[in-house]
Amino acid sequence: MEDIKKFISKFWGAILGGIIAILLICTDLYMLVLWIVLVGMGIWAGNYYQHYKENIKNKLKKIIDKM
């Protein structure tokens, strides 16, 4: 019994993550999480482009000139 308690106290984060992953897969909520991540990445990319437009254009121009 003591060994089980040590195992659970040592790996409780992994066990909890595994249970959450199983629940997401069983309920198809992983698709919702995937879409939320994709939307967040799109927002981040748009914001980055807005703030560093000239910098991005110069880097792309250098890459194209090398080809």
PDB file of N, CA and C in Angstrom:
ATOM      1  N   MET A   1       0.818  -1.198   0.000  1.00  0.00           N
ATOM      2  CA  MET A   1       0.000   0.000   0.000  1.00  0.00           C
ATOM      3  C   MET A   1       0.861   1.262   0.000  1.00  0.00           C
ATOM      4  N   GLU A   2       1.971   1.192   0.707  1.00  0.00           N
ATOM      5  CA  GLU A   2       2.866   2.339   0.775  1.00  0.00           C
ATOM      6  C   GLU A   2       3.494   2.624  -0.593  1.00  0.00           C
ATOM      7  N   ASP A   3       3.783   1.554  -1.344  1.00  0.00           N
ATOM      8  CA  ASP A   3       4.362   1.724  -2.679  1.00  0.00           C
ATOM      9  C   ASP A   3       3.387   2.424  -3.619  1.00  0.00           C
ATOM     10  N   ILE A   4       2.115   2.108  -3.518  1.00  0.00           N
ATOM     11  CA  ILE A   4       1.100   2.745  -4.365  1.00  0.00           C
ATOM     12  C   ILE A   4       1.003   4.228  -4.033  1.00  0.00           C
ATOM     13  N   LYS A   5       1.040   4.556  -2.756  1.00  0.00           N
ATOM     14  CA  LYS A   5       0.989   5.962  -2.344  1.00  0.00           C
ATOM     15  C   LYS A   5       2.210   6.724  -2.875  1.00  0.00           C
ATOM     16  N   LYS A   6       3.393   6.118  -2.822  1.00  0.00           N
ATOM     17  CA  LYS A   6       4.598   6.764  -3.352  1.00  0.00           C
ATOM     18  C   LYS A   6       4.475   6.992  -4.857  1.00  0.00           C
ATOM     19  N   PHE A   7       3.972   5.954  -5.553  1.00  0.00           N
ATOM     20  CA  PHE A   7       3.815   6.056  -6.998  1.00  0.00           C
ATOM     21  C   PHE A   7       2.855   7.178  -7.361  1.00  0.00           C
ATOM     22  N   ILE A   8       1.713   7.229  -6.687  1.00  0.00           N
ATOM     23  CA  ILE A   8       0.714   8.260  -6.981  1.00  0.00           C
ATOM     24  C   ILE A   8       1.240   9.639  -6.628  1.00  0.00           C
ATOM     25  N   SER A   9       1.933   9.777  -5.498  1.00  0.00           N
ATOM     26  CA  SER A   9       2.451  11.095  -5.116  1.00  0.00           C
ATOM     27  C   SER A   9       3.564  11.546  -6.056  1.00  0.00           C
ATOM     28  N   LYS A  10       4.305  10.595  -6.647  1.00  0.00           N
ATOM     29  CA  LYS A  10       5.390  10.952  -7.549  1.00  0.00           C
ATOM     30  C   LYS A  10       4.884  11.298  -8.947  1.00  0.00           C
ATOM     31  N   PHE A  11       3.848  10.603  -9.410  1.00  0.00           N
ATOM     32  CA  PHE A  11       3.372  10.768 -10.784  1.00  0.00           C
ATOM     33  C   PHE A  11       1.942  11.274 -10.864  1.00  0.00           C
ATOM     34  N   TRP A  12       1.489  12.063  -9.897  1.00  0.00           N
ATOM     35  CA  TRP A  12       0.086  12.504  -9.901  1.00  0.00           C
ATOM     36  C   TRP A  12      -0.218  13.414 -11.072  1.00  0.00           C
ATOM     37  N   GLY A  13       0.741  14.201 -11.517  1.00  0.00           N
ATOM     38  CA  GLY A  13       0.523  15.094 -12.658  1.00  0.00           C
ATOM     39  C   GLY A  13       0.310  14.313 -13.943  1.00  0.00           C
ATOM     40  N   ALA A  14       1.122  13.280 -14.141  1.00  0.00           N
ATOM     41  CA  ALA A  14       0.984  12.457 -15.343  1.00  0.00           C
ATOM     42  C   ALA A  14      -0.321  11.677 -15.319  1.00  0.00           C
ATOM     43  N   ILE A  15      -0.699  11.180 -14.163  1.00  0.00           N
ATOM     44  CA  ILE A  15      -1.952  10.435 -14.039  1.00  0.00           C
ATOM     45  C   ILE A  15      -3.131  11.355 -14.323  1.00  0.00           C
ATOM     46  N   LEU A  16      -3.121  12.544 -13.760  1.00  0.00           N
ATOM     47  CA  LEU A  16      -4.192  13.508 -13.996  1.00  0.00           C
ATOM     48  C   LEU A  16      -4.256  13.911 -15.465  1.00  0.00           C
ATOM     49  N   GLY A  17      -3.113  14.152 -16.076  1.00  0.00           N
ATOM     50  CA  GLY A  17      -3.075  14.491 -17.498  1.00  0.00           C
ATOM     51  C   GLY A  17      -3.621  13.370 -18.357  1.00  0.00           C
ATOM     52  N   GLY A  18      -3.290  12.141 -18.020  1.00  0.00           N
ATOM     53  CA  GLY A  18      -3.811  10.989 -18.759  1.00  0.00           C
ATOM     54  C   GLY A  18      -5.319  10.859 -18.636  1.00  0.00           C
ATOM     55  N   ILE A  19      -5.839  11.077 -17.447  1.00  0.00           N
ATOM     56  CA  ILE A  19      -7.298  11.012 -17.246  1.00  0.00           C
ATOM     57  C   ILE A  19      -7.994  12.106 -18.040  1.00  0.00           C
ATOM     58  N   ILE A  20      -7.454  13.310 -18.015  1.00  0.00           N
ATOM     59  CA  ILE A  20      -8.047  14.411 -18.781  1.00  0.00           C
ATOM     60  C   ILE A  20      -7.999  14.118 -20.274  1.00  0.00           C
ATOM     61  N   ALA A  21      -6.879  13.569 -20.753  1.00  0.00           N
ATOM     62  CA  ALA A  21      -6.755  13.228 -22.174  1.00  0.00           C
ATOM     63  C   ALA A  21      -7.776  12.170 -22.574  1.00  0.00           C
ATOM     64  N   ILE A  22      -7.965  11.175 -21.742  1.00  0.00           N
ATOM     65  CA  ILE A  22      -8.959  10.133 -22.035  1.00  0.00           C
ATOM     66  C   ILE A  22     -10.354  10.727 -22.088  1.00  0.00           C
ATOM     67  N   LEU A  23     -10.682  11.623 -21.151  1.00  0.00           N
ATOM     68  CA  LEU A  23     -12.003  12.259 -21.161  1.00  0.00           C
ATOM     69  C   LEU A  23     -12.207  13.112 -22.411  1.00  0.00           C
ATOM     70  N   LEU A  24     -11.175  13.858 -22.814  1.00  0.00           N
ATOM     71  CA  LEU A  24     -11.287  14.680 -24.021  1.00  0.00           C
ATOM     72  C   LEU A  24     -11.500  13.821 -25.262  1.00  0.00           C
ATOM     73  N   ILE A  25     -10.783  12.709 -25.353  1.00  0.00           N
ATOM     74  CA  ILE A  25     -10.929  11.837 -26.513  1.00  0.00           C
ATOM     75  C   ILE A  25     -12.302  11.169 -26.520  1.00  0.00           C
ATOM     76  N   CYS A  26     -12.769  10.721 -25.371  1.00  0.00           N
ATOM     77  CA  CYS A  26     -14.059  10.027 -25.309  1.00  0.00           C
ATOM     78  C   CYS A  26     -15.230  10.959 -25.608  1.00  0.00           C
ATOM     79  N   THR A  27     -15.092  12.223 -25.318  1.00  0.00           N
ATOM     80  CA  THR A  27     -16.204  13.159 -25.511  1.00  0.00           C
ATOM     81  C   THR A  27     -16.030  14.030 -26.751  1.00  0.00           C
ATOM     82  N   ASP A  28     -14.988  13.767 -27.540  1.00  0.00           N
ATOM     83  CA  ASP A  28     -14.697  14.554 -28.739  1.00  0.00           C
ATOM     84  C   ASP A  28     -14.435  16.025 -28.447  1.00  0.00           C
ATOM     85  N   LEU A  29     -14.072  16.357 -27.241  1.00  0.00           N
ATOM     86  CA  LEU A  29     -13.737  17.740 -26.899  1.00  0.00           C
ATOM     87  C   LEU A  29     -12.344  18.122 -27.385  1.00  0.00           C
ATOM     88  N   TYR A  30     -11.559  17.113 -27.784  1.00  0.00           N
ATOM     89  CA  TYR A  30     -10.221  17.438 -28.269  1.00  0.00           C
ATOM     90  C   TYR A  30     -10.295  18.278 -29.535  1.00  0.00           C
ATOM     91  N   MET A  31     -11.353  18.105 -30.339  1.00  0.00           N
ATOM     92  CA  MET A  31     -11.516  18.925 -31.537  1.00  0.00           C
ATOM     93  C   MET A  31     -11.744  20.390 -31.149  1.00  0.00           C
ATOM     94  N   LEU A  32     -12.518  20.621 -30.103  1.00  0.00           N
ATOM     95  CA  LEU A  32     -12.743  21.976 -29.618  1.00  0.00           C
ATOM     96  C   LEU A  32     -11.428  22.593 -29.151  1.00  0.00           C
ATOM     97  N   VAL A  33     -10.656  21.828 -28.408  1.00  0.00           N
ATOM     98  CA  VAL A  33      -9.366  22.315 -27.922  1.00  0.00           C
ATOM     99  C   VAL A  33      -8.444  22.603 -29.105  1.00  0.00           C
ATOM    100  N   LEU A  34      -8.452  21.730 -30.103  1.00  0.00           N
ATOM    101  CA  LEU A  34      -7.628  21.943 -31.290  1.00  0.00           C
ATOM    102  C   LEU A  34      -8.021  23.222 -32.011  1.00  0.00           C
ATOM    103  N   TRP A  35      -9.312  23.461 -32.180  1.00  0.00           N
ATOM    104  CA  TRP A  35      -9.767  24.680 -32.854  1.00  0.00           C
ATOM    105  C   TRP A  35      -9.412  25.927 -32.051  1.00  0.00           C
ATOM    106  N   ILE A  36      -9.522  25.844 -30.736  1.00  0.00           N
ATOM    107  CA  ILE A  36      -9.167  26.992 -29.894  1.00  0.00           C
ATOM    108  C   ILE A  36      -7.680  27.299 -30.042  1.00  0.00           C
ATOM    109  N   VAL A  37      -6.844  26.257 -30.069  1.00  0.00           N
ATOM    110  CA  VAL A  37      -5.396  26.459 -30.245  1.00  0.00           C
ATOM    111  C   VAL A  37      -5.111  27.065 -31.612  1.00  0.00           C
ATOM    112  N   LEU A  38      -5.773  26.561 -32.664  1.00  0.00           N
ATOM    113  CA  LEU A  38      -5.548  27.100 -34.004  1.00  0.00           C
ATOM    114  C   LEU A  38      -5.978  28.558 -34.115  1.00  0.00           C
ATOM    115  N   VAL A  39      -7.101  28.897 -33.513  1.00  0.00           N
ATOM    116  CA  VAL A  39      -7.560  30.285 -33.531  1.00  0.00           C
ATOM    117  C   VAL A  39      -6.572  31.169 -32.772  1.00  0.00           C
ATOM    118  N   GLY A  40      -6.090  30.693 -31.630  1.00  0.00           N
ATOM    119  CA  GLY A  40      -5.102  31.446 -30.858  1.00  0.00           C
ATOM    120  C   GLY A  40      -3.820  31.668 -31.634  1.00  0.00           C
ATOM    121  N   MET A  41      -3.367  30.646 -32.364  1.00  0.00           N
ATOM    122  CA  MET A  41      -2.164  30.795 -33.177  1.00  0.00           C
ATOM    123  C   MET A  41      -2.392  31.784 -34.315  1.00  0.00           C
ATOM    124  N   GLY A  42      -3.590  31.775 -34.894  1.00  0.00           N
ATOM    125  CA  GLY A  42      -3.905  32.734 -35.952  1.00  0.00           C
ATOM    126  C   GLY A  42      -3.915  34.159 -35.434  1.00  0.00           C
ATOM    127  N   ILE A  43      -4.479  34.349 -34.257  1.00  0.00           N
ATOM    128  CA  ILE A  43      -4.505  35.680 -33.647  1.00  0.00           C
ATOM    129  C   ILE A  43      -3.084  36.154 -33.365  1.00  0.00           C
ATOM    130  N   TRP A  44      -2.262  35.258 -32.825  1.00  0.00           N
ATOM    131  CA  TRP A  44      -0.872  35.614 -32.529  1.00  0.00           C
ATOM    132  C   TRP A  44      -0.119  35.976 -33.804  1.00  0.00           C
ATOM    133  N   ALA A  45      -0.303  35.172 -34.870  1.00  0.00           N
ATOM    134  CA  ALA A  45       0.408  35.432 -36.127  1.00  0.00           C
ATOM    135  C   ALA A  45      -0.030  36.762 -36.733  1.00  0.00           C
ATOM    136  N   GLY A  46      -1.324  37.057 -36.692  1.00  0.00           N
ATOM    137  CA  GLY A  46      -1.806  38.331 -37.218  1.00  0.00           C
ATOM    138  C   GLY A  46      -1.265  39.511 -36.445  1.00  0.00           C
ATOM    139  N   ASN A  47      -1.240  39.388 -35.134  1.00  0.00           N
ATOM    140  CA  ASN A  47      -0.705  40.456 -34.286  1.00  0.00           C
ATOM    141  C   ASN A  47       0.793  40.648 -34.539  1.00  0.00           C
ATOM    142  N   TYR A  48       1.518  39.554 -34.681  1.00  0.00           N
ATOM    143  CA  TYR A  48       2.954  39.631 -34.959  1.00  0.00           C
ATOM    144  C   TYR A  48       3.193  40.325 -36.290  1.00  0.00           C
ATOM    145  N   TYR A  49       2.425  39.931 -37.298  1.00  0.00           N
ATOM    146  CA  TYR A  49       2.583  40.536 -38.623  1.00  0.00           C
ATOM    147  C   TYR A  49       2.265  42.029 -38.575  1.00  0.00           C
ATOM    148  N   GLN A  50       1.238  42.406 -37.819  1.00  0.00           N
ATOM    149  CA  GLN A  50       0.847  43.807 -37.734  1.00  0.00           C
ATOM    150  C   GLN A  50       1.975  44.651 -37.140  1.00  0.00           C
ATOM    151  N   HIS A  51       2.638  44.129 -36.122  1.00  0.00           N
ATOM    152  CA  HIS A  51       3.662  44.909 -35.431  1.00  0.00           C
ATOM    153  C   HIS A  51       5.027  44.860 -36.115  1.00  0.00           C
ATOM    154  N   TYR A  52       5.313  43.785 -36.850  1.00  0.00           N
ATOM    155  CA  TYR A  52       6.637  43.622 -37.445  1.00  0.00           C
ATOM    156  C   TYR A  52       6.558  43.457 -38.964  1.00  0.00           C
ATOM    157  N   LYS A  53       5.644  44.181 -39.604  1.00  0.00           N
ATOM    158  CA  LYS A  53       5.410  44.043 -41.034  1.00  0.00           C
ATOM    159  C   LYS A  53       6.663  44.327 -41.849  1.00  0.00           C
ATOM    160  N   GLU A  54       7.329  45.418 -41.597  1.00  0.00           N
ATOM    161  CA  GLU A  54       8.515  45.787 -42.361  1.00  0.00           C
ATOM    162  C   GLU A  54       9.644  44.775 -42.157  1.00  0.00           C
ATOM    163  N   ASN A  55       9.800  44.336 -40.930  1.00  0.00           N
ATOM    164  CA  ASN A  55      10.833  43.360 -40.612  1.00  0.00           C
ATOM    165  C   ASN A  55      10.586  42.049 -41.368  1.00  0.00           C
ATOM    166  N   ILE A  56       9.337  41.594 -41.405  1.00  0.00           N
ATOM    167  CA  ILE A  56       8.976  40.368 -42.110  1.00  0.00           C
ATOM    168  C   ILE A  56       9.205  40.534 -43.607  1.00  0.00           C
ATOM    169  N   LYS A  57       8.827  41.669 -44.154  1.00  0.00           N
ATOM    170  CA  LYS A  57       9.022  41.914 -45.587  1.00  0.00           C
ATOM    171  C   LYS A  57      10.510  41.867 -45.947  1.00  0.00           C
ATOM    172  N   ASN A  58      11.343  42.466 -45.128  1.00  0.00           N
ATOM    173  CA  ASN A  58      12.784  42.462 -45.395  1.00  0.00           C
ATOM    174  C   ASN A  58      13.361  41.051 -45.330  1.00  0.00           C
ATOM    175  N   LYS A  59      12.932  40.249 -44.349  1.00  0.00           N
ATOM    176  CA  LYS A  59      13.433  38.884 -44.230  1.00  0.00           C
ATOM    177  C   LYS A  59      12.986  38.044 -45.421  1.00  0.00           C
ATOM    178  N   LEU A  60      11.729  38.177 -45.828  1.00  0.00           N
ATOM    179  CA  LEU A  60      11.251  37.434 -46.984  1.00  0.00           C
ATOM    180  C   LEU A  60      11.972  37.856 -48.260  1.00  0.00           C
ATOM    181  N   LYS A  61      12.250  39.146 -48.379  1.00  0.00           N
ATOM    182  CA  LYS A  61      12.965  39.645 -49.547  1.00  0.00           C
ATOM    183  C   LYS A  61      14.378  39.048 -49.606  1.00  0.00           C
ATOM    184  N   LYS A  62      15.062  38.960 -48.455  1.00  0.00           N
ATOM    185  CA  LYS A  62      16.385  38.369 -48.406  1.00  0.00           C
ATOM    186  C   LYS A  62      16.349  36.903 -48.797  1.00  0.00           C
ATOM    187  N   ILE A  63      15.341  36.178 -48.326  1.00  0.00           N
ATOM    188  CA  ILE A  63      15.210  34.756 -48.655  1.00  0.00           C
ATOM    189  C   ILE A  63      14.980  34.566 -50.149  1.00  0.00           C
ATOM    190  N   ILE A  64      14.110  35.404 -50.720  1.00  0.00           N
ATOM    191  CA  ILE A  64      13.808  35.298 -52.144  1.00  0.00           C
ATOM    192  C   ILE A  64      15.024  35.673 -52.976  1.00  0.00           C
ATOM    193  N   ASP A  65      15.772  36.676 -52.542  1.00  0.00           N
ATOM    194  CA  ASP A  65      16.977  37.093 -53.283  1.00  0.00           C
ATOM    195  C   ASP A  65      18.047  35.993 -53.283  1.00  0.00           C
ATOM    196  N   LYS A  66      18.108  35.186 -52.221  1.00  0.00           N
ATOM    197  CA  LYS A  66      19.086  34.095 -52.150  1.00  0.00           C
ATOM    198  C   LYS A  66      18.745  32.989 -53.149  1.00  0.00           C
ATOM    199  N   MET A  67      17.473  32.848 -53.486  1.00  0.00           N
ATOM    200  CA  MET A  67      17.067  31.790 -54.409  1.00  0.00           C
ATOM    201  C   MET A  67      17.388  32.214 -55.768  1.00  0.00           C
TER     202      MET A  67
END
